[in-house]
C-alpha atoms as a PDB file:
ATOM      1  CA  MET A   1     -15.635  39.446  19.335  1.00  0.00           C
ATOM      2  CA  LYS A   2     -12.363  39.736  21.169  1.00  0.00           C
ATOM      3  CA  ILE A   3      -9.795  37.128  20.121  1.00  0.00           C
ATOM      4  CA  LYS A   4      -6.527  36.222  21.750  1.00  0.00           C
ATOM      5  CA  LYS A   5      -3.848  34.194  19.990  1.00  0.00           C
ATOM      6  CA  LEU A   6      -1.792  31.766  22.031  1.00  0.00           C
ATOM      7  CA  ALA A   7       1.871  31.391  21.143  1.00  0.00           C
ATOM      8  CA  LEU A   8       2.800  27.863  22.162  1.00  0.00           C
ATOM      9  CA  HIS A   9       6.251  27.275  23.576  1.00  0.00           C
ATOM     10  CA  THR A  10       5.716  23.614  24.483  1.00  0.00           C
ATOM     11  CA  VAL A  11       4.011  21.172  22.137  1.00  0.00           C
ATOM     12  CA  ILE A  12       3.482  17.556  23.159  1.00  0.00           C
ATOM     13  CA  PHE A  13       1.246  14.969  21.502  1.00  0.00           C
ATOM     14  CA  PRO A  14      -1.384  14.415  22.845  1.00  0.00           C
ATOM     15  CA  LEU A  15      -1.220  18.179  22.853  1.00  0.00           C
ATOM     16  CA  VAL A  16      -1.229  20.102  26.126  1.00  0.00           C
ATOM     17  CA  PHE A  17      -1.722  23.854  25.938  1.00  0.00           C
ATOM     18  CA  LEU A  18      -0.339  25.882  28.805  1.00  0.00           C
ATOM     19  CA  ALA A  19      -2.028  29.005  29.997  1.00  0.00           C
ATOM     20  CA  LEU A  20      -0.361  32.339  29.495  1.00  0.00           C
ATOM     21  CA  GLY A  21       1.397  32.853  32.803  1.00  0.00           C
ATOM     22  CA  CYS A  22       1.164  30.734  35.914  1.00  0.00           C
ATOM     23  CA  GLY A  23      -1.352  32.904  37.669  1.00  0.00           C
ATOM     24  CA  THR A  24      -3.504  33.905  34.693  1.00  0.00           C
ATOM     25  CA  SER A  25      -7.140  34.537  35.552  1.00  0.00           C
ATOM     26  CA  TRP A  26     -10.107  36.015  33.745  1.00  0.00           C
ATOM     27  CA  ASP A  27     -12.443  38.648  35.092  1.00  0.00           C
ATOM     28  CA  ALA A  28     -15.932  37.219  34.701  1.00  0.00           C
ATOM     29  CA  SER A  29     -17.494  40.654  34.865  1.00  0.00           C
ATOM     30  CA  LYS A  30     -15.884  41.496  31.522  1.00  0.00           C
ATOM     31  CA  SER A  31     -17.731  38.628  29.865  1.00  0.00           C
ATOM     32  CA  ALA A  32     -21.142  39.133  31.366  1.00  0.00           C
ATOM     33  CA  ALA A  33     -22.973  39.161  28.037  1.00  0.00           C
ATOM     34  CA  MET A  34     -23.218  35.705  26.498  1.00  0.00           C
ATOM     35  CA  PRO A  35     -21.394  35.611  23.139  1.00  0.00           C
ATOM     36  CA  GLU A  36     -23.251  34.026  20.216  1.00  0.00           C
ATOM     37  CA  TRP A  37     -20.692  31.254  19.890  1.00  0.00           C
ATOM     38  CA  VAL A  38     -21.596  29.830  23.291  1.00  0.00           C
ATOM     39  CA  LEU A  39     -24.911  28.506  21.985  1.00  0.00           C
ATOM     40  CA  ASN A  40     -23.821  27.779  18.396  1.00  0.00           C
ATOM     41  CA  PHE A  41     -20.117  28.131  17.672  1.00  0.00           C
ATOM     42  CA  HIS A  42     -20.547  26.702  14.151  1.00  0.00           C
ATOM     43  CA  LYS A  43     -22.512  29.811  13.175  1.00  0.00           C
ATOM     44  CA  GLU A  44     -19.633  32.123  14.031  1.00  0.00           C
ATOM     45  CA  PHE A  45     -16.969  29.624  12.960  1.00  0.00           C
ATOM     46  CA  PRO A  46     -18.420  27.843   9.883  1.00  0.00           C
ATOM     47  CA  ASN A  47     -16.665  24.614   8.961  1.00  0.00           C
ATOM     48  CA  SER A  48     -15.975  25.859   5.447  1.00  0.00           C
ATOM     49  CA  LYS A  49     -13.642  28.547   6.804  1.00  0.00           C
ATOM     50  CA  TYR A  50     -12.560  27.322  10.227  1.00  0.00           C
ATOM     51  CA  ILE A  51     -11.394  24.294  12.122  1.00  0.00           C
ATOM     52  CA  ALA A  52     -12.991  24.917  15.505  1.00  0.00           C
ATOM     53  CA  GLN A  53     -13.984  23.113  18.681  1.00  0.00           C
ATOM     54  CA  LYS A  54     -15.753  24.375  21.824  1.00  0.00           C
ATOM     55  CA  ALA A  55     -15.159  23.178  25.364  1.00  0.00           C
ATOM     56  CA  THR A  56     -16.035  24.026  28.944  1.00  0.00           C
ATOM     57  CA  GLY A  57     -14.101  23.930  32.198  1.00  0.00           C
ATOM     58  CA  THR A  58     -14.087  24.968  35.813  1.00  0.00           C
ATOM     59  CA  SER A  59     -11.568  27.687  35.011  1.00  0.00           C
ATOM     60  CA  ALA A  60     -10.682  29.808  32.011  1.00  0.00           C
ATOM     61  CA  ASP A  61      -7.426  27.954  31.492  1.00  0.00           C
ATOM     62  CA  GLU A  62      -9.166  24.584  31.701  1.00  0.00           C
ATOM     63  CA  SER A  63     -11.737  25.581  29.095  1.00  0.00           C
ATOM     64  CA  ARG A  64      -8.954  26.714  26.738  1.00  0.00           C
ATOM     65  CA  ASN A  65      -6.933  23.544  27.230  1.00  0.00           C
ATOM     66  CA  GLU A  66      -9.992  21.362  26.719  1.00  0.00           C
ATOM     67  CA  ALA A  67     -10.889  23.204  23.515  1.00  0.00           C
ATOM     68  CA  ALA A  68      -7.314  22.835  22.258  1.00  0.00           C
ATOM     69  CA  ALA A  69      -7.332  19.128  23.085  1.00  0.00           C
ATOM     70  CA  LYS A  70     -10.556  18.707  21.094  1.00  0.00           C
ATOM     71  CA  VAL A  71      -8.968  20.409  18.084  1.00  0.00           C
ATOM     72  CA  SER A  72      -5.960  18.102  18.421  1.00  0.00           C
ATOM     73  CA  TYR A  73      -8.177  15.019  18.545  1.00  0.00           C
ATOM     74  CA  TYR A  74     -10.214  16.282  15.590  1.00  0.00           C
ATOM     75  CA  PHE A  75      -6.994  16.661  13.591  1.00  0.00           C
ATOM     76  CA  GLU A  76      -5.774  13.186  14.425  1.00  0.00           C
ATOM     77  CA  THR A  77      -8.997  11.315  13.670  1.00  0.00           C
ATOM     78  CA  THR A  78     -10.096  13.303  10.619  1.00  0.00           C
ATOM     79  CA  VAL A  79      -6.689  13.331   8.908  1.00  0.00           C
ATOM     80  CA  ASN A  80      -6.362   9.567   9.321  1.00  0.00           C
ATOM     81  CA  ALA A  81      -9.912   8.989   8.065  1.00  0.00           C
ATOM     82  CA  ASN A  82      -9.293  11.217   5.040  1.00  0.00           C
ATOM     83  CA  ARG A  83      -6.075   9.380   4.219  1.00  0.00           C
ATOM     84  CA  GLU A  84      -7.740   5.964   4.475  1.00  0.00           C
ATOM     85  CA  SER A  85     -10.606   7.194   2.293  1.00  0.00           C
ATOM     86  CA  ASN A  86      -8.144   8.269  -0.395  1.00  0.00           C
ATOM     87  CA  TYR A  87      -6.367   4.907  -0.170  1.00  0.00           C
ATOM     88  CA  ARG A  88      -9.629   3.029  -0.708  1.00  0.00           C
ATOM     89  CA  SER A  89     -10.625   5.323  -3.565  1.00  0.00           C
ATOM     90  CA  PHE A  90      -7.328   4.772  -5.401  1.00  0.00           C
ATOM     91  CA  GLU A  91      -7.283   1.026  -4.732  1.00  0.00           C
ATOM     92  CA  SER A  92     -10.788   0.634  -6.151  1.00  0.00           C
ATOM     93  CA  THR A  93      -9.342   1.148  -9.635  1.00  0.00           C
ATOM     94  CA  ASN A  94      -5.720   0.144  -9.078  1.00  0.00           C
ATOM     95  CA  GLU A  95      -3.692  -2.566  -7.377  1.00  0.00           C
ATOM     96  CA  LYS A  96      -5.374  -3.906  -4.241  1.00  0.00           C
ATOM     97  CA  GLY A  97      -3.407  -3.397  -1.064  1.00  0.00           C
ATOM     98  CA  LYS A  98      -0.825  -1.208  -2.775  1.00  0.00           C
ATOM     99  CA  TYR A  99      -0.627   1.204   0.140  1.00  0.00           C
ATOM    100  CA  SER A 100       0.523  -1.377   2.670  1.00  0.00           C
ATOM    101  CA  ALA A 101       4.167  -0.797   1.783  1.00  0.00           C
ATOM    102  CA  ARG A 102       4.801   2.168   4.052  1.00  0.00           C
ATOM    103  CA  ASN A 103       5.286   1.421   7.729  1.00  0.00           C
ATOM    104  CA  GLU A 104       2.076   2.370   9.528  1.00  0.00           C
ATOM    105  CA  GLN A 105       3.974   3.656  12.551  1.00  0.00           C
ATOM    106  CA  GLU A 106       6.110   5.852  10.299  1.00  0.00           C
ATOM    107  CA  THR A 107       2.978   7.347   8.723  1.00  0.00           C
ATOM    108  CA  ILE A 108       1.396   8.028  12.120  1.00  0.00           C
ATOM    109  CA  ARG A 109       4.605   9.572  13.438  1.00  0.00           C
ATOM    110  CA  GLU A 110       4.939  11.912  10.453  1.00  0.00           C
ATOM    111  CA  THR A 111       1.282  12.935  10.810  1.00  0.00           C
ATOM    112  CA  LYS A 112       1.767  13.771  14.491  1.00  0.00           C
ATOM    113  CA  VAL A 113       4.868  15.856  13.786  1.00  0.00           C
ATOM    114  CA  THR A 114       3.000  17.808  11.099  1.00  0.00           C
ATOM    115  CA  THR A 115      -0.038  18.272  13.328  1.00  0.00           C
ATOM    116  CA  ASN A 116       2.049  19.546  16.228  1.00  0.00           C
ATOM    117  CA  LYS A 117       3.609  22.199  13.999  1.00  0.00           C
ATOM    118  CA  ILE A 118       0.286  23.333  12.561  1.00  0.00           C
ATOM    119  CA  LEU A 119      -1.455  23.437  15.938  1.00  0.00           C
ATOM    120  CA  GLN A 120       0.972  26.079  17.116  1.00  0.00           C
ATOM    121  CA  ALA A 121      -1.179  28.513  15.124  1.00  0.00           C
ATOM    122  CA  VAL A 122      -4.327  27.788  17.162  1.00  0.00           C
ATOM    123  CA  GLU A 123      -6.298  30.783  18.392  1.00  0.00           C
ATOM    124  CA  PHE A 124      -8.897  31.145  21.125  1.00  0.00           C
ATOM    125  CA  THR A 125     -11.936  33.196  21.873  1.00  0.00           C
ATOM    126  CA  GLU A 126     -11.805  35.030  25.160  1.00  0.00           C
ATOM    127  CA  PRO A 127     -13.213  32.520  27.664  1.00  0.00           C
ATOM    128  CA  TRP A 128     -16.735  33.381  28.841  1.00  0.00           C
ATOM    129  CA  TYR A 129     -17.974  32.647  32.325  1.00  0.00           C
ATOM    130  CA  ASN A 130     -21.519  31.440  32.930  1.00  0.00           C
ATOM    131  CA  LYS A 131     -22.425  32.647  36.403  1.00  0.00           C
ATOM    132  CA  LYS A 132     -25.463  30.361  36.638  1.00  0.00           C
ATOM    133  CA  ASP A 133     -23.591  27.072  36.456  1.00  0.00           C
ATOM    134  CA  LYS A 134     -20.122  28.495  37.207  1.00  0.00           C
ATOM    135  CA  THR A 135     -18.678  27.134  33.980  1.00  0.00           C
ATOM    136  CA  TRP A 136     -16.160  28.672  31.615  1.00  0.00           C
ATOM    137  CA  HIS A 137     -16.671  28.365  27.827  1.00  0.00           C
ATOM    138  CA  CYS A 138     -14.025  28.749  25.089  1.00  0.00           C
ATOM    139  CA  VAL A 139     -13.562  28.038  21.386  1.00  0.00           C
ATOM    140  CA  ALA A 140     -10.218  27.000  19.924  1.00  0.00           C
ATOM    141  CA  PHE A 141     -10.066  27.706  16.209  1.00  0.00           C
ATOM    142  CA  MET A 142      -7.859  27.953  13.151  1.00  0.00           C
ATOM    143  CA  VAL A 143      -8.496  29.719   9.846  1.00  0.00           C
ATOM    144  CA  ARG A 144      -8.374  27.047   7.152  1.00  0.00           C
ATOM    145  CA  GLU A 145      -6.871  29.281   4.476  1.00  0.00           C
ATOM    146  CA  THR A 146      -4.106  30.426   6.808  1.00  0.00           C
ATOM    147  CA  VAL A 147      -3.026  26.960   7.944  1.00  0.00           C
ATOM    148  CA  TRP A 148      -3.366  25.552   4.412  1.00  0.00           C
ATOM    149  CA  LYS A 149      -0.984  28.185   3.058  1.00  0.00           C
ATOM    150  CA  ALA A 150       1.449  27.374   5.841  1.00  0.00           C
ATOM    151  CA  TYR A 151       1.322  23.677   4.936  1.00  0.00           C
ATOM    152  CA  GLU A 152       1.426  24.073   1.144  1.00  0.00           C
ATOM    153  CA  PRO A 153       5.275  24.216   0.926  1.00  0.00           C
ATOM    154  CA  THR A 154       5.427  20.778   2.570  1.00  0.00           C
ATOM    155  CA  VAL A 155       3.164  19.346  -0.129  1.00  0.00           C
ATOM    156  CA  ARG A 156       5.303  20.881  -2.862  1.00  0.00           C
ATOM    157  CA  VAL A 157       8.508  19.377  -1.448  1.00  0.00           C
ATOM    158  CA  VAL A 158       6.942  15.904  -1.507  1.00  0.00           C
ATOM    159  CA  LYS A 159       5.515  16.588  -4.958  1.00  0.00           C
ATOM    160  CA  ASP A 160       8.934  17.579  -6.334  1.00  0.00           C
ATOM    161  CA  ASP A 161      10.383  14.325  -5.005  1.00  0.00           C
ATOM    162  CA  PHE A 162       7.681  12.357  -6.811  1.00  0.00           C
ATOM    163  CA  MET A 163       7.745  14.402 -10.021  1.00  0.00           C
ATOM    164  CA  GLY A 164      11.510  14.030 -10.362  1.00  0.00           C
ATOM    165  CA  PHE A 165      11.113  10.335 -11.174  1.00  0.00           C
ATOM    166  CA  TYR A 166       7.893  10.814 -13.130  1.00  0.00           C
ATOM    167  CA  ASN A 167       9.529  13.390 -15.408  1.00  0.00           C
ATOM    168  CA  LYS A 168      12.520  11.109 -15.994  1.00  0.00           C
ATOM    169  CA  ALA A 169      10.097   8.389 -17.078  1.00  0.00           C
ATOM    170  CA  ASN A 170       8.605  10.745 -19.651  1.00  0.00           C
ATOM    171  CA  GLU A 171      12.008  11.828 -20.911  1.00  0.00           C
ATOM    172  CA  THR A 172      13.507   8.389 -21.592  1.00  0.00           C
ATOM    173  CA  GLU A 173      12.921   6.440 -24.784  1.00  0.00           C
ATOM    174  CA  GLU A 174      14.148   3.131 -23.335  1.00  0.00           C
ATOM    175  CA  PRO A 175      11.058   1.093 -22.290  1.00  0.00           C
ATOM    176  CA  PHE A 176      12.616  -0.655 -19.289  1.00  0.00           C
ATOM    177  CA  GLU A 177      14.019   2.619 -17.967  1.00  0.00           C
ATOM    178  CA  LYS A 178      10.568   4.208 -18.326  1.00  0.00           C
ATOM    179  CA  ILE A 179       9.035   1.349 -16.348  1.00  0.00           C
ATOM    180  CA  ARG A 180      11.765   1.602 -13.712  1.00  0.00           C
ATOM    181  CA  TYR A 181      11.371   5.370 -13.238  1.00  0.00           C
ATOM    182  CA  LEU A 182       7.606   4.963 -12.965  1.00  0.00           C
ATOM    183  CA  GLY A 183       8.264   2.286 -10.361  1.00  0.00           C
ATOM    184  CA  MET A 184      10.508   4.687  -8.448  1.00  0.00           C
ATOM    185  CA  ALA A 185       7.771   7.314  -8.637  1.00  0.00           C
ATOM    186  CA  ARG A 186       5.399   4.750  -7.155  1.00  0.00           C
ATOM    187  CA  GLN A 187       7.745   4.429  -4.195  1.00  0.00           C
ATOM    188  CA  LYS A 188       7.100   8.131  -3.532  1.00  0.00           C
ATOM    189  CA  GLU A 189       3.407   7.965  -4.397  1.00  0.00           C
ATOM    190  CA  GLU A 190       2.027   7.081  -0.972  1.00  0.00           C
ATOM    191  CA  LYS A 191       3.891   9.858   0.819  1.00  0.00           C
ATOM    192  CA  PHE A 192       2.626  12.330  -1.783  1.00  0.00           C
ATOM    193  CA  LEU A 193      -0.910  11.042  -1.311  1.00  0.00           C
ATOM    194  CA  ASP A 194      -0.544  11.426   2.469  1.00  0.00           C
ATOM    195  CA  ALA A 195       0.454  15.063   1.972  1.00  0.00           C
ATOM    196  CA  ILE A 196      -2.464  15.639  -0.402  1.00  0.00           C
ATOM    197  CA  SER A 197      -4.846  14.052   2.111  1.00  0.00           C
ATOM    198  CA  TYR A 198      -3.607  16.357   4.845  1.00  0.00           C
ATOM    199  CA  ALA A 199      -3.965  19.384   2.597  1.00  0.00           C
ATOM    200  CA  GLN A 200      -7.513  18.314   1.688  1.00  0.00           C
ATOM    201  CA  PHE A 201      -8.373  18.143   5.373  1.00  0.00           C
ATOM    202  CA  LEU A 202      -7.143  21.697   5.881  1.00  0.00           C
ATOM    203  CA  SER A 203      -8.949  23.032   2.797  1.00  0.00           C
ATOM    204  CA  GLU A 204     -10.556  20.917   0.109  1.00  0.00           C
ATOM    205  CA  PRO A 205     -11.206  23.873  -2.258  1.00  0.00           C
ATOM    206  CA  LEU A 206      -7.610  25.161  -2.102  1.00  0.00           C
ATOM    207  CA  THR A 207      -6.187  21.673  -2.548  1.00  0.00           C
ATOM    208  CA  SER A 208      -8.365  21.062  -5.587  1.00  0.00           C
ATOM    209  CA  GLU A 209      -7.432  24.446  -7.032  1.00  0.00           C
ATOM    210  CA  HIS A 210      -3.685  23.898  -6.721  1.00  0.00           C
ATOM    211  CA  PHE A 211      -3.239  20.102  -6.879  1.00  0.00           C
ATOM    212  CA  GLN A 212      -6.163  18.672  -8.843  1.00  0.00           C
ATOM    213  CA  GLY A 213      -3.889  17.683 -11.722  1.00  0.00           C
ATOM    214  CA  ASP A 214      -1.564  15.891  -9.321  1.00  0.00           C
ATOM    215  CA  ILE A 215      -4.448  13.988  -7.740  1.00  0.00           C
ATOM    216  CA  LEU A 216      -5.481  12.818 -11.208  1.00  0.00           C
ATOM    217  CA  LEU A 217      -1.908  11.814 -12.010  1.00  0.00           C
ATOM    218  CA  LEU A 218      -1.624   9.751  -8.821  1.00  0.00           C
ATOM    219  CA  SER A 219      -4.817   7.913  -9.696  1.00  0.00           C
ATOM    220  CA  GLU A 220      -3.441   7.058 -13.158  1.00  0.00           C
ATOM    221  CA  LEU A 221       0.105   6.041 -12.220  1.00  0.00           C
ATOM    222  CA  ASP A 222      -0.576   2.314 -12.079  1.00  0.00           C
ATOM    223  CA  SER A 223      -2.179   2.302 -15.521  1.00  0.00           C
ATOM    224  CA  LEU A 224       0.710   4.346 -16.957  1.00  0.00           C
ATOM    225  CA  GLN A 225       3.223   1.799 -15.725  1.00  0.00           C
ATOM    226  CA  GLN A 226       1.138  -1.074 -17.042  1.00  0.00           C
ATOM    227  CA  GLU A 227       0.908   0.603 -20.445  1.00  0.00           C
ATOM    228  CA  ALA A 228       4.692   0.800 -20.496  1.00  0.00           C
ATOM    229  CA  LYS A 229       4.924  -2.894 -19.620  1.00  0.00           C
ATOM    230  CA  ASN A 230       2.476  -3.780 -22.369  1.00  0.00           C
ATOM    231  CA  ALA A 231       4.795  -2.048 -24.832  1.00  0.00           C
ATOM    232  CA  ALA A 232       7.738  -4.193 -23.706  1.00  0.00           C
ATOM    233  CA  PRO A 233       6.945  -7.887 -24.456  1.00  0.00           C
ATOM    234  CA  VAL A 234       9.545 -10.448 -23.398  1.00  0.00           C
ATOM    235  CA  PHE A 235      10.879 -13.516 -25.202  1.00  0.00           C
ATOM    236  CA  VAL A 236      12.352 -16.161 -22.866  1.00  0.00           C
ATOM    237  CA  SER A 237      15.213 -18.253 -24.211  1.00  0.00           C
ATOM    238  CA  VAL A 238      16.604 -21.030 -21.983  1.00  0.00           C
ATOM    239  CA  SER A 239      19.578 -23.264 -22.677  1.00  0.00           C
ATOM    240  CA  ASN A 240      19.963 -26.736 -21.162  1.00  0.00           C
ATOM    241  CA  ASP A 241      16.320 -27.045 -20.086  1.00  0.00           C
ATOM    242  CA  GLY A 242      15.036 -30.304 -21.547  1.00  0.00           C
ATOM    243  CA  SER A 243      11.888 -30.329 -19.422  1.00  0.00           C
ATOM    244  CA  ASN A 244      10.999 -26.654 -20.022  1.00  0.00           C
ATOM    245  CA  LYS A 245      10.455 -26.294 -16.281  1.00  0.00           C
ATOM    246  CA  VAL A 246      12.974 -23.451 -15.985  1.00  0.00           C
ATOM    247  CA  TYR A 247      11.316 -21.724 -18.925  1.00  0.00           C
ATOM    248  CA  ALA A 248       7.907 -22.073 -17.270  1.00  0.00           C
ATOM    249  CA  ALA A 249       9.188 -20.667 -13.968  1.00  0.00           C
ATOM    250  CA  PHE A 250      10.661 -17.551 -15.598  1.00  0.00           C
ATOM    251  CA  ALA A 251       7.706 -17.064 -17.944  1.00  0.00           C
ATOM    252  CA  LYS A 252       5.361 -17.109 -14.979  1.00  0.00           C
ATOM    253  CA  GLY A 253       7.566 -14.606 -13.143  1.00  0.00           C
ATOM    254  CA  PHE A 254       7.449 -12.130 -16.030  1.00  0.00           C
ATOM    255  CA  THR A 255       3.692 -12.601 -16.437  1.00  0.00           C
ATOM    256  CA  ASP A 256       3.078 -12.095 -12.721  1.00  0.00           C
ATOM    257  CA  SER A 257       5.074  -8.865 -12.960  1.00  0.00           C
ATOM    258  CA  GLY A 258       2.719  -7.530 -15.635  1.00  0.00           C
ATOM    259  CA  PHE A 259       4.732  -8.315 -18.767  1.00  0.00           C
ATOM    260  CA  THR A 260       3.609 -10.215 -21.844  1.00  0.00           C
ATOM    261  CA  VAL A 261       5.684 -13.276 -22.730  1.00  0.00           C
ATOM    262  CA  VAL A 262       5.743 -13.891 -26.485  1.00  0.00           C
ATOM    263  CA  LYS A 263       6.638 -17.033 -28.420  1.00  0.00           C
ATOM    264  CA  GLU A 264       8.619 -15.365 -31.203  1.00  0.00           C
ATOM    265  CA  LYS A 265      11.784 -13.353 -30.641  1.00  0.00           C
ATOM    266  CA  THR A 266      10.828 -10.973 -33.441  1.00  0.00           C
ATOM    267  CA  GLU A 267       7.749  -9.928 -31.460  1.00  0.00           C
ATOM    268  CA  ALA A 268       9.746  -9.016 -28.350  1.00  0.00           C
ATOM    269  CA  ALA A 269      11.235  -5.779 -27.106  1.00  0.00           C
ATOM    270  CA  TYR A 270      13.473  -7.771 -24.737  1.00  0.00           C
ATOM    271  CA  THR A 271      14.957 -11.228 -24.687  1.00  0.00           C
ATOM    272  CA  ALA A 272      15.504 -13.011 -21.374  1.00  0.00           C
ATOM    273  CA  GLU A 273      18.636 -15.030 -22.069  1.00  0.00           C
ATOM    274  CA  VAL A 274      18.717 -17.803 -19.466  1.00  0.00           C
ATOM    275  CA  SER A 275      21.572 -20.238 -18.920  1.00  0.00           C
ATOM    276  CA  VAL A 276      21.149 -23.338 -16.777  1.00  0.00           C
ATOM    277  CA  ILE A 277      24.533 -24.419 -15.420  1.00  0.00           C
ATOM    278  CA  LEU A 278      25.054 -27.873 -13.952  1.00  0.00           C
ATOM    279  CA  ASP A 279      28.351 -28.058 -12.085  1.00  0.00           C
ATOM    280  CA  LYS A 280      29.253 -31.753 -12.137  1.00  0.00           C
ATOM    281  CA  ILE A 281      31.446 -33.831  -9.829  1.00  0.00           C
ATOM    282  CA  VAL A 282      31.826 -37.620 -10.007  1.00  0.00           C
ATOM    283  CA  GLN A 283      32.840 -39.494  -6.871  1.00  0.00           C
ATOM    284  CA  ASP A 284      33.283 -43.195  -7.547  1.00  0.00           C
ATOM    285  CA  GLU A 285      30.083 -43.874  -9.499  1.00  0.00           C
ATOM    286  CA  LEU A 286      28.043 -41.156  -7.780  1.00  0.00           C
ATOM    287  CA  ILE A 287      27.180 -38.085  -9.873  1.00  0.00           C
ATOM    288  CA  ILE A 288      26.911 -34.824  -7.938  1.00  0.00           C
ATOM    289  CA  LEU A 289      25.370 -31.785  -9.638  1.00  0.00           C
ATOM    290  CA  THR A 290      25.078 -28.232  -8.319  1.00  0.00           C
ATOM    291  CA  PRO A 291      22.564 -26.331 -10.465  1.00  0.00           C
ATOM    292  CA  SER A 292      22.506 -22.589 -11.030  1.00  0.00           C
ATOM    293  CA  VAL A 293      20.755 -20.166 -13.371  1.00  0.00           C
ATOM    294  CA  ARG A 294      21.896 -16.905 -14.905  1.00  0.00           C
ATOM    295  CA  LEU A 295      19.461 -14.537 -16.626  1.00  0.00           C
ATOM    296  CA  SER A 296      20.190 -11.404 -18.608  1.00  0.00           C
ATOM    297  CA  LEU A 297      17.328  -9.277 -19.940  1.00  0.00           C
ATOM    298  CA  VAL A 298      18.612  -7.802 -23.170  1.00  0.00           C
ATOM    299  CA  GLY A 299      17.127  -4.993 -25.239  1.00  0.00           C
ATOM    300  CA  LYS A 300      18.360  -3.189 -28.312  1.00  0.00           C
ATOM    301  CA  ASN A 301      20.785  -1.144 -26.191  1.00  0.00           C
ATOM    302  CA  GLY A 302      22.142  -4.073 -24.202  1.00  0.00           C
ATOM    303  CA  SER A 303      21.385  -5.731 -20.884  1.00  0.00           C
ATOM    304  CA  VAL A 304      18.984  -3.895 -18.558  1.00  0.00           C
ATOM    305  CA  TYR A 305      18.598  -6.485 -15.790  1.00  0.00           C
ATOM    306  CA  SER A 306      20.361  -9.584 -14.497  1.00  0.00           C
ATOM    307  CA  TYR A 307      19.494 -12.376 -12.095  1.00  0.00           C
ATOM    308  CA  ALA A 308      21.481 -15.287 -10.705  1.00  0.00           C
ATOM    309  CA  LYS A 309      20.657 -18.043  -8.235  1.00  0.00           C
ATOM    310  CA  ASP A 310      22.088 -21.365  -7.139  1.00  0.00           C
ATOM    311  CA  GLY A 311      20.128 -24.509  -6.317  1.00  0.00           C
ATOM    312  CA  LYS A 312      20.848 -27.292  -3.868  1.00  0.00           C
ATOM    313  CA  ARG A 313      23.387 -29.979  -4.669  1.00  0.00           C
ATOM    314  CA  VAL A 314      21.821 -33.255  -5.846  1.00  0.00           C
ATOM    315  CA  LYS A 315      23.160 -36.778  -6.174  1.00  0.00           C
ATOM    316  CA  ALA A 316      22.299 -39.703  -8.461  1.00  0.00           C
ATOM    317  CA  TYR A 317      23.893 -42.688 -10.172  1.00  0.00           C
ATOM    318  CA  THR A 318      22.834 -41.717 -13.713  1.00  0.00           C
ATOM    319  CA  ASP A 319      23.240 -38.492 -15.650  1.00  0.00           C
ATOM    320  CA  SER A 320      19.579 -38.284 -16.637  1.00  0.00           C
ATOM    321  CA  LEU A 321      18.347 -38.723 -13.076  1.00  0.00           C
ATOM    322  CA  ALA A 322      20.889 -36.241 -11.720  1.00  0.00           C
ATOM    323  CA  GLU A 323      19.878 -33.636 -14.317  1.00  0.00           C
ATOM    324  CA  ARG A 324      16.195 -34.137 -13.577  1.00  0.00           C
ATOM    325  CA  LYS A 325      16.778 -33.759  -9.837  1.00  0.00           C
ATOM    326  CA  ALA A 326      18.952 -30.682 -10.449  1.00  0.00           C
ATOM    327  CA  LEU A 327      16.225 -28.951 -12.443  1.00  0.00           C
ATOM    328  CA  GLU A 328      13.680 -29.905  -9.811  1.00  0.00           C
ATOM    329  CA  SER A 329      15.998 -28.299  -7.273  1.00  0.00           C
ATOM    330  CA  ILE A 330      16.475 -24.972  -9.048  1.00  0.00           C
ATOM    331  CA  CYS A 331      12.894 -24.336 -10.205  1.00  0.00           C
ATOM    332  CA  PRO A 332      11.434 -23.709  -6.722  1.00  0.00           C
ATOM    333  CA  VAL A 333      14.249 -21.223  -6.088  1.00  0.00           C
ATOM    334  CA  ILE A 334      13.291 -19.326  -9.253  1.00  0.00           C
ATOM    335  CA  GLU A 335       9.607 -19.394  -8.372  1.00  0.00           C
ATOM    336  CA  LYS A 336      10.307 -18.106  -4.867  1.00  0.00           C
ATOM    337  CA  THR A 337      12.824 -15.354  -5.629  1.00  0.00           C
ATOM    338  CA  PHE A 338      12.659 -14.187  -9.237  1.00  0.00           C
ATOM    339  CA  THR A 339       9.408 -12.195  -9.206  1.00  0.00           C
ATOM    340  CA  GLU A 340      10.377 -10.386  -6.011  1.00  0.00           C
ATOM    341  CA  ASP A 341      13.868  -9.608  -7.303  1.00  0.00           C
ATOM    342  CA  PHE A 342      12.555  -8.428 -10.675  1.00  0.00           C
ATOM    343  CA  ASN A 343       9.874  -6.196  -9.146  1.00  0.00           C
ATOM    344  CA  ALA A 344      12.456  -4.688  -6.819  1.00  0.00           C
ATOM    345  CA  ALA A 345      14.537  -3.785  -9.884  1.00  0.00           C
ATOM    346  CA  LEU A 346      11.450  -2.242 -11.491  1.00  0.00           C
ATOM    347  CA  SER A 347      11.068  -0.026  -8.408  1.00  0.00           C
ATOM    348  CA  GLY A 348      14.690   1.095  -8.454  1.00  0.00           C
ATOM    349  CA  LYS A 349      15.548  -0.805  -5.282  1.00  0.00           C
END
């Protein structure tokens, strides 16, 4: 079988492949005998070794361009399907919806850029002309091993970015720092999984051979971070909180973030030291309070996280009513902002 390789000088997505030379033509007499791939191209280009698509056209160039376009479409749809399949597989045992963080358009754009680069290595069979129906036939194909090896360095760059934070998590003895580095690794997790998914599409056997341990690690990352949280129980101590509403708001925030809130300080790895501040002004007989909270999460080596928010100013004619209204003002602020702020800190944001 005679094979010609097309060196692409212009790559646009959706991909358009230009013929070699403006006036290129093929001599049908040289392709009189029907090649085997015309009837069954999968036999000559088995899916285990090749990414291949066959097309027809009214000219040799048209058949080549149509075949190339089919390969491009196959890349786009199959890569996306493989990525979504991996997402669903990981989410079945981990946090639901965890892969919604990355911008979908960013993911699609990166996939297209990668695909355009890889498709520059596409090769073609010599177009064959069927004299009976005056149709040209051509197969566009790529050797899986070849394109996988070309893509492998991209996977390793993304892997190194992820492993940098993961290794730091393993190296530190400080529980909160471990949790934070694992959170930072999680920020890189989806991009790493995207790269793995693309590599699997190019060659599942080669990806498993070289990255099986990484795939397992990605699937276990959530549980590793949760284990670290379980080893870091929190004791919440609040001053000036007669109703315990501020305590309840912070306790819920820590629990929602995956931490255990304990009742005894001796059982805790960290103490959340919370101060409720009521800035008081008296005008005539009217009491005006502006509430605020300050939290410092303290471990054996000092403070590892801080949080501060102000509530809305309240007014009343008695101290007890003003204090009650002030606490009622600050608690919704805590409930709305603390968990998000704390989780952002856990992700290194």
